[in-house]
């Protein structure tokens, strides 16, 4: 019976389990990306990362801004009160100045976001970077943003 339960449990889509997982402040789509990203780290011999509230605030703000102003970039365009803020400027504004990275994706599903990032050398490098030990995911209208960082007290 245990084997049958485990088999059926393994077949459930990950988003169906999101309600049973701690999603912190992330919506169910971002939450799925969060757990799928950590699954990729584990499968590739890396430790899973922990949730970071500052990373989430930065990631969600970027996803929402991209959706609201209809663009797709790490750099904010000039206009609507923005002076063209760069990724580094945003990271500093959120107090994330030590070992920080970002992935963005414009896709239809959380599964596609992680799959595409893992097929791209630079995005994959961010996901598997051993210097990162915390992250979070923002999502708005299919615009996903991952922000990675290293906790100040971490030693690598």
C-alpha atoms as a PDB file:
ATOM      1  CA  UNK A   1       0.000   0.000   0.000  1.00  0.00           C
ATOM      2  CA  UNK A   2       2.838   2.409   0.841  1.00  0.00           C
ATOM      3  CA  UNK A   3       4.400   1.873  -2.587  1.00  0.00           C
ATOM      4  CA  UNK A   4       1.088   2.574  -4.331  1.00  0.00           C
ATOM      5  CA  UNK A   5       0.570   5.759  -2.285  1.00  0.00           C
ATOM      6  CA  UNK A   6       4.100   6.951  -3.071  1.00  0.00           C
ATOM      7  CA  UNK A   7       3.634   6.181  -6.769  1.00  0.00           C
ATOM      8  CA  UNK A   8       0.350   8.118  -6.944  1.00  0.00           C
ATOM      9  CA  UNK A   9       1.852  10.968  -4.907  1.00  0.00           C
ATOM     10  CA  UNK A  10       4.807  11.178  -7.332  1.00  0.00           C
ATOM     11  CA  UNK A  11       2.419  11.501 -10.285  1.00  0.00           C
ATOM     12  CA  UNK A  12       0.642  14.591  -8.938  1.00  0.00           C
ATOM     13  CA  UNK A  13       1.616  17.787 -10.709  1.00  0.00           C
ATOM     14  CA  UNK A  14       3.844  19.962  -8.571  1.00  0.00           C
ATOM     15  CA  UNK A  15       1.379  22.879  -8.579  1.00  0.00           C
ATOM     16  CA  UNK A  16      -1.224  20.580  -7.040  1.00  0.00           C
ATOM     17  CA  UNK A  17       1.110  20.221  -4.080  1.00  0.00           C
ATOM     18  CA  UNK A  18       1.730  23.949  -3.718  1.00  0.00           C
ATOM     19  CA  UNK A  19      -1.086  24.178  -1.173  1.00  0.00           C
ATOM     20  CA  UNK A  20       0.773  21.664   0.993  1.00  0.00           C
ATOM     21  CA  UNK A  21       4.041  23.598   0.794  1.00  0.00           C
ATOM     22  CA  UNK A  22       5.084  26.840   2.353  1.00  0.00           C
ATOM     23  CA  UNK A  23       4.827  29.430  -0.420  1.00  0.00           C
ATOM     24  CA  UNK A  24       5.785  32.336   1.838  1.00  0.00           C
ATOM     25  CA  UNK A  25       4.563  35.478   0.014  1.00  0.00           C
ATOM     26  CA  UNK A  26       4.752  33.950  -3.471  1.00  0.00           C
ATOM     27  CA  UNK A  27       1.662  33.090  -5.532  1.00  0.00           C
ATOM     28  CA  UNK A  28       1.125  29.443  -6.525  1.00  0.00           C
ATOM     29  CA  UNK A  29       2.903  29.875  -9.899  1.00  0.00           C
ATOM     30  CA  UNK A  30       5.977  31.494  -8.346  1.00  0.00           C
ATOM     31  CA  UNK A  31       5.878  28.896  -5.580  1.00  0.00           C
ATOM     32  CA  UNK A  32       6.041  26.104  -8.141  1.00  0.00           C
ATOM     33  CA  UNK A  33       9.069  27.729  -9.779  1.00  0.00           C
ATOM     34  CA  UNK A  34      10.678  28.046  -6.339  1.00  0.00           C
ATOM     35  CA  UNK A  35      10.358  24.330  -5.596  1.00  0.00           C
ATOM     36  CA  UNK A  36      11.258  23.221  -9.136  1.00  0.00           C
ATOM     37  CA  UNK A  37      14.392  25.368  -8.972  1.00  0.00           C
ATOM     38  CA  UNK A  38      15.461  23.726  -5.724  1.00  0.00           C
ATOM     39  CA  UNK A  39      14.733  20.306  -7.248  1.00  0.00           C
ATOM     40  CA  UNK A  40      17.158  21.180 -10.072  1.00  0.00           C
ATOM     41  CA  UNK A  41      19.794  22.163  -7.533  1.00  0.00           C
ATOM     42  CA  UNK A  42      19.395  18.898  -5.635  1.00  0.00           C
ATOM     43  CA  UNK A  43      19.493  16.833  -8.866  1.00  0.00           C
ATOM     44  CA  UNK A  44      22.738  18.602  -9.764  1.00  0.00           C
ATOM     45  CA  UNK A  45      24.449  18.047  -6.414  1.00  0.00           C
ATOM     46  CA  UNK A  46      23.811  21.502  -4.926  1.00  0.00           C
ATOM     47  CA  UNK A  47      22.176  22.363  -1.636  1.00  0.00           C
ATOM     48  CA  UNK A  48      18.655  23.805  -1.887  1.00  0.00           C
ATOM     49  CA  UNK A  49      18.324  27.534  -1.285  1.00  0.00           C
ATOM     50  CA  UNK A  50      16.128  29.084   1.387  1.00  0.00           C
ATOM     51  CA  UNK A  51      13.424  31.698   0.866  1.00  0.00           C
ATOM     52  CA  UNK A  52      14.541  35.337   0.998  1.00  0.00           C
ATOM     53  CA  UNK A  53      11.944  38.063   1.683  1.00  0.00           C
ATOM     54  CA  UNK A  54      14.123  40.821   0.172  1.00  0.00           C
ATOM     55  CA  UNK A  55      14.683  38.703  -2.927  1.00  0.00           C
ATOM     56  CA  UNK A  56      10.933  38.211  -3.193  1.00  0.00           C
ATOM     57  CA  UNK A  57      10.193  41.928  -2.859  1.00  0.00           C
ATOM     58  CA  UNK A  58      12.704  42.708  -5.612  1.00  0.00           C
ATOM     59  CA  UNK A  59      11.549  39.843  -7.865  1.00  0.00           C
ATOM     60  CA  UNK A  60       7.850  40.623  -7.504  1.00  0.00           C
ATOM     61  CA  UNK A  61       8.387  44.318  -8.099  1.00  0.00           C
ATOM     62  CA  UNK A  62      10.329  43.566 -11.297  1.00  0.00           C
ATOM     63  CA  UNK A  63       7.736  41.087 -12.598  1.00  0.00           C
ATOM     64  CA  UNK A  64       4.907  43.516 -11.874  1.00  0.00           C
ATOM     65  CA  UNK A  65       6.753  46.442 -13.467  1.00  0.00           C
ATOM     66  CA  UNK A  66       7.442  44.398 -16.615  1.00  0.00           C
ATOM     67  CA  UNK A  67       3.750  43.458 -16.789  1.00  0.00           C
ATOM     68  CA  UNK A  68       2.474  46.965 -16.060  1.00  0.00           C
ATOM     69  CA  UNK A  69       4.761  48.676 -18.556  1.00  0.00           C
ATOM     70  CA  UNK A  70       4.895  45.818 -21.108  1.00  0.00           C
ATOM     71  CA  UNK A  71       8.634  45.209 -21.427  1.00  0.00           C
ATOM     72  CA  UNK A  72      11.012  42.317 -20.833  1.00  0.00           C
ATOM     73  CA  UNK A  73      14.458  43.276 -19.559  1.00  0.00           C
ATOM     74  CA  UNK A  74      16.700  43.312 -16.498  1.00  0.00           C
ATOM     75  CA  UNK A  75      16.954  47.080 -16.895  1.00  0.00           C
ATOM     76  CA  UNK A  76      13.966  49.295 -16.288  1.00  0.00           C
ATOM     77  CA  UNK A  77      13.143  51.561 -19.223  1.00  0.00           C
ATOM     78  CA  UNK A  78      13.019  55.311 -18.760  1.00  0.00           C
ATOM     79  CA  UNK A  79       9.483  56.612 -18.205  1.00  0.00           C
ATOM     80  CA  UNK A  80       6.615  56.319 -15.735  1.00  0.00           C
ATOM     81  CA  UNK A  81       8.867  57.810 -13.067  1.00  0.00           C
ATOM     82  CA  UNK A  82      11.767  55.436 -13.768  1.00  0.00           C
ATOM     83  CA  UNK A  83      15.151  56.763 -14.791  1.00  0.00           C
ATOM     84  CA  UNK A  84      16.158  53.479 -16.403  1.00  0.00           C
ATOM     85  CA  UNK A  85      17.158  51.704 -13.198  1.00  0.00           C
ATOM     86  CA  UNK A  86      19.710  48.906 -13.734  1.00  0.00           C
ATOM     87  CA  UNK A  87      19.713  45.505 -12.061  1.00  0.00           C
ATOM     88  CA  UNK A  88      22.582  46.583  -9.781  1.00  0.00           C
ATOM     89  CA  UNK A  89      20.734  49.719  -8.749  1.00  0.00           C
ATOM     90  CA  UNK A  90      17.599  47.708  -7.949  1.00  0.00           C
ATOM     91  CA  UNK A  91      19.608  45.145  -5.958  1.00  0.00           C
ATOM     92  CA  UNK A  92      21.238  47.908  -3.902  1.00  0.00           C
ATOM     93  CA  UNK A  93      17.840  49.530  -3.295  1.00  0.00           C
ATOM     94  CA  UNK A  94      16.642  46.224  -1.781  1.00  0.00           C
ATOM     95  CA  UNK A  95      19.780  45.833   0.323  1.00  0.00           C
ATOM     96  CA  UNK A  96      21.129  42.976  -1.798  1.00  0.00           C
ATOM     97  CA  UNK A  97      24.644  44.031  -2.665  1.00  0.00           C
ATOM     98  CA  UNK A  98      26.610  40.846  -2.008  1.00  0.00           C
ATOM     99  CA  UNK A  99      26.633  38.117  -4.667  1.00  0.00           C
ATOM    100  CA  UNK A 100      23.289  38.740  -6.412  1.00  0.00           C
ATOM    101  CA  UNK A 101      21.812  37.342  -9.622  1.00  0.00           C
ATOM    102  CA  UNK A 102      18.547  37.460 -11.556  1.00  0.00           C
ATOM    103  CA  UNK A 103      16.741  35.320 -14.103  1.00  0.00           C
ATOM    104  CA  UNK A 104      13.668  36.499 -16.001  1.00  0.00           C
ATOM    105  CA  UNK A 105      11.297  34.573 -18.245  1.00  0.00           C
ATOM    106  CA  UNK A 106       8.159  35.344 -20.219  1.00  0.00           C
ATOM    107  CA  UNK A 107       6.351  31.995 -20.471  1.00  0.00           C
ATOM    108  CA  UNK A 108       2.952  30.371 -20.101  1.00  0.00           C
ATOM    109  CA  UNK A 109       3.742  28.020 -17.226  1.00  0.00           C
ATOM    110  CA  UNK A 110       6.058  27.596 -14.265  1.00  0.00           C
ATOM    111  CA  UNK A 111       7.334  24.344 -15.781  1.00  0.00           C
ATOM    112  CA  UNK A 112       8.425  26.157 -18.956  1.00  0.00           C
ATOM    113  CA  UNK A 113      10.274  28.824 -16.979  1.00  0.00           C
ATOM    114  CA  UNK A 114      12.515  26.348 -15.175  1.00  0.00           C
ATOM    115  CA  UNK A 115      12.961  24.145 -18.269  1.00  0.00           C
ATOM    116  CA  UNK A 116      14.063  27.109 -20.390  1.00  0.00           C
ATOM    117  CA  UNK A 117      16.390  28.466 -17.725  1.00  0.00           C
ATOM    118  CA  UNK A 118      18.044  25.068 -17.337  1.00  0.00           C
ATOM    119  CA  UNK A 119      18.651  24.922 -21.114  1.00  0.00           C
ATOM    120  CA  UNK A 120      20.336  28.349 -21.121  1.00  0.00           C
ATOM    121  CA  UNK A 121      23.958  28.408 -19.917  1.00  0.00           C
ATOM    122  CA  UNK A 122      23.753  31.750 -18.104  1.00  0.00           C
ATOM    123  CA  UNK A 123      20.414  31.080 -16.428  1.00  0.00           C
ATOM    124  CA  UNK A 124      21.476  27.558 -15.474  1.00  0.00           C
ATOM    125  CA  UNK A 125      24.667  28.986 -13.979  1.00  0.00           C
ATOM    126  CA  UNK A 126      22.571  31.261 -11.738  1.00  0.00           C
ATOM    127  CA  UNK A 127      20.331  28.397 -10.608  1.00  0.00           C
ATOM    128  CA  UNK A 128      23.266  26.107  -9.812  1.00  0.00           C
ATOM    129  CA  UNK A 129      25.634  28.772  -8.433  1.00  0.00           C
ATOM    130  CA  UNK A 130      27.025  27.398  -5.159  1.00  0.00           C
ATOM    131  CA  UNK A 131      27.547  30.955  -3.850  1.00  0.00           C
ATOM    132  CA  UNK A 132      23.792  31.550  -3.773  1.00  0.00           C
ATOM    133  CA  UNK A 133      22.010  30.168  -0.731  1.00  0.00           C
ATOM    134  CA  UNK A 134      18.765  32.149  -0.789  1.00  0.00           C
ATOM    135  CA  UNK A 135      16.290  33.270  -3.434  1.00  0.00           C
ATOM    136  CA  UNK A 136      12.671  33.935  -4.268  1.00  0.00           C
ATOM    137  CA  UNK A 137      10.438  34.161  -7.310  1.00  0.00           C
ATOM    138  CA  UNK A 138       8.078  36.899  -8.453  1.00  0.00           C
ATOM    139  CA  UNK A 139       5.389  36.471 -11.101  1.00  0.00           C
ATOM    140  CA  UNK A 140       2.934  38.753 -12.856  1.00  0.00           C
ATOM    141  CA  UNK A 141       1.040  37.876 -16.041  1.00  0.00           C
ATOM    142  CA  UNK A 142       3.535  35.177 -17.059  1.00  0.00           C
ATOM    143  CA  UNK A 143       6.585  37.334 -16.363  1.00  0.00           C
ATOM    144  CA  UNK A 144       8.756  35.413 -13.910  1.00  0.00           C
ATOM    145  CA  UNK A 145      11.703  36.860 -12.037  1.00  0.00           C
ATOM    146  CA  UNK A 146      14.094  34.915  -9.837  1.00  0.00           C
ATOM    147  CA  UNK A 147      16.424  36.864  -7.565  1.00  0.00           C
ATOM    148  CA  UNK A 148      19.321  34.972  -5.979  1.00  0.00           C
ATOM    149  CA  UNK A 149      21.720  36.110  -3.282  1.00  0.00           C
ATOM    150  CA  UNK A 150      24.056  34.990  -0.573  1.00  0.00           C
ATOM    151  CA  UNK A 151      23.195  35.598   3.059  1.00  0.00           C
ATOM    152  CA  UNK A 152      25.694  38.023   4.569  1.00  0.00           C
ATOM    153  CA  UNK A 153      26.643  35.551   7.306  1.00  0.00           C
ATOM    154  CA  UNK A 154      27.296  32.727   4.787  1.00  0.00           C
ATOM    155  CA  UNK A 155      30.850  31.601   4.206  1.00  0.00           C
ATOM    156  CA  UNK A 156      31.704  30.135   0.798  1.00  0.00           C
END
